[in-house]
Structures are given as C-alpha cells and as structure tokens.
Amino acid sequence: MNSAEPGKHPEFKLALHHWGVSVPDLEASIAWYRDMLGFHEERRFDIPSANARAAIIRHGELAIELFEVKGASPLPPERRIPNQDLKFQGIKHVALAVENRDQVLDLLGARGVDVIFRGIQGAFILDNAGNIIELMERD
C-alpha cells in the first residue's frame, strides 16, 4: 500500500457496504422502505444470539440491514429530532444523495413520509420507526 506521507496511515479505499437499523416491526419497516424509498428485500435471516430477526434490503448500491429484536427498548422521542439527537453520542443519521431534492421531498411528503426539516443544504425525514434520514442534493 502507498502512503500519502511517509510514516502516516496507509491509503486505502472505503465504500459504504450497508448500515444497520433496529426497528420495532420488521415487516412494517420492510414495507415502508419499499413503498416510500423504493428498496427491495434481498434476504432474511435470524440472529439467535440477539433474539433477532433481520433482513437486508437494497436500492441500487445502497443496502440496509433491518433488525427486529425482541424486548428492545423503543427509540426515545428526543432521538427523532436532529438537534436534540446531537446531544447523544453515537451515529446520528445516514445521508442519502438525491437529484432534485425538493421534488423528492414533495413526492415523499405526498406519500405520507414525515419531513421534519428542510434546509438549504440538507433535509431530514423520519422512517416509520422514527429513525432520522438526511436527504442531500447530489453534487
């Protein structure tokens, strides 16, 4: 591997493989991501050690691993508000690039998606379980 500077970390390529989302109802979330954002189900599996059912859903190169864990704590209300969620450590949201962001937001709003913030650079929506997703205009 090559280094940008001698003695520094080696350069390597990274690409998003998938992100994982814990949801209260696997079936409802698969349907929401399918009906609202155009994902399709790729496969399902169980995770016995976590008492969980899971599914991989895909939209082009994007993949999400959805988990339904029996007995999981619900998402706290403050985690559904971007500025409040920043007060908790950990991953905050995923940002998806779209073309014609405002048209996409109008379409999603008409489908019943909760659009919680529209800014100049980004906008936030909630999935059916209250998880934050940011939509950005593609560069």
Foldseek 3Di string as FASTA:
>chain_A
DDCPDPPDDRDDDDDDQAEEDEFQDAVLQQCQCCVQVNKHWDDKDADVVQQWIWTWIDDVRYIYIYIHGPPDDADDPLLLDQVSVVVDDDDNEEEDEDAPVVVSVVVSVVVVWAWPADDPAWTWTATPRSHIYIYGHDD
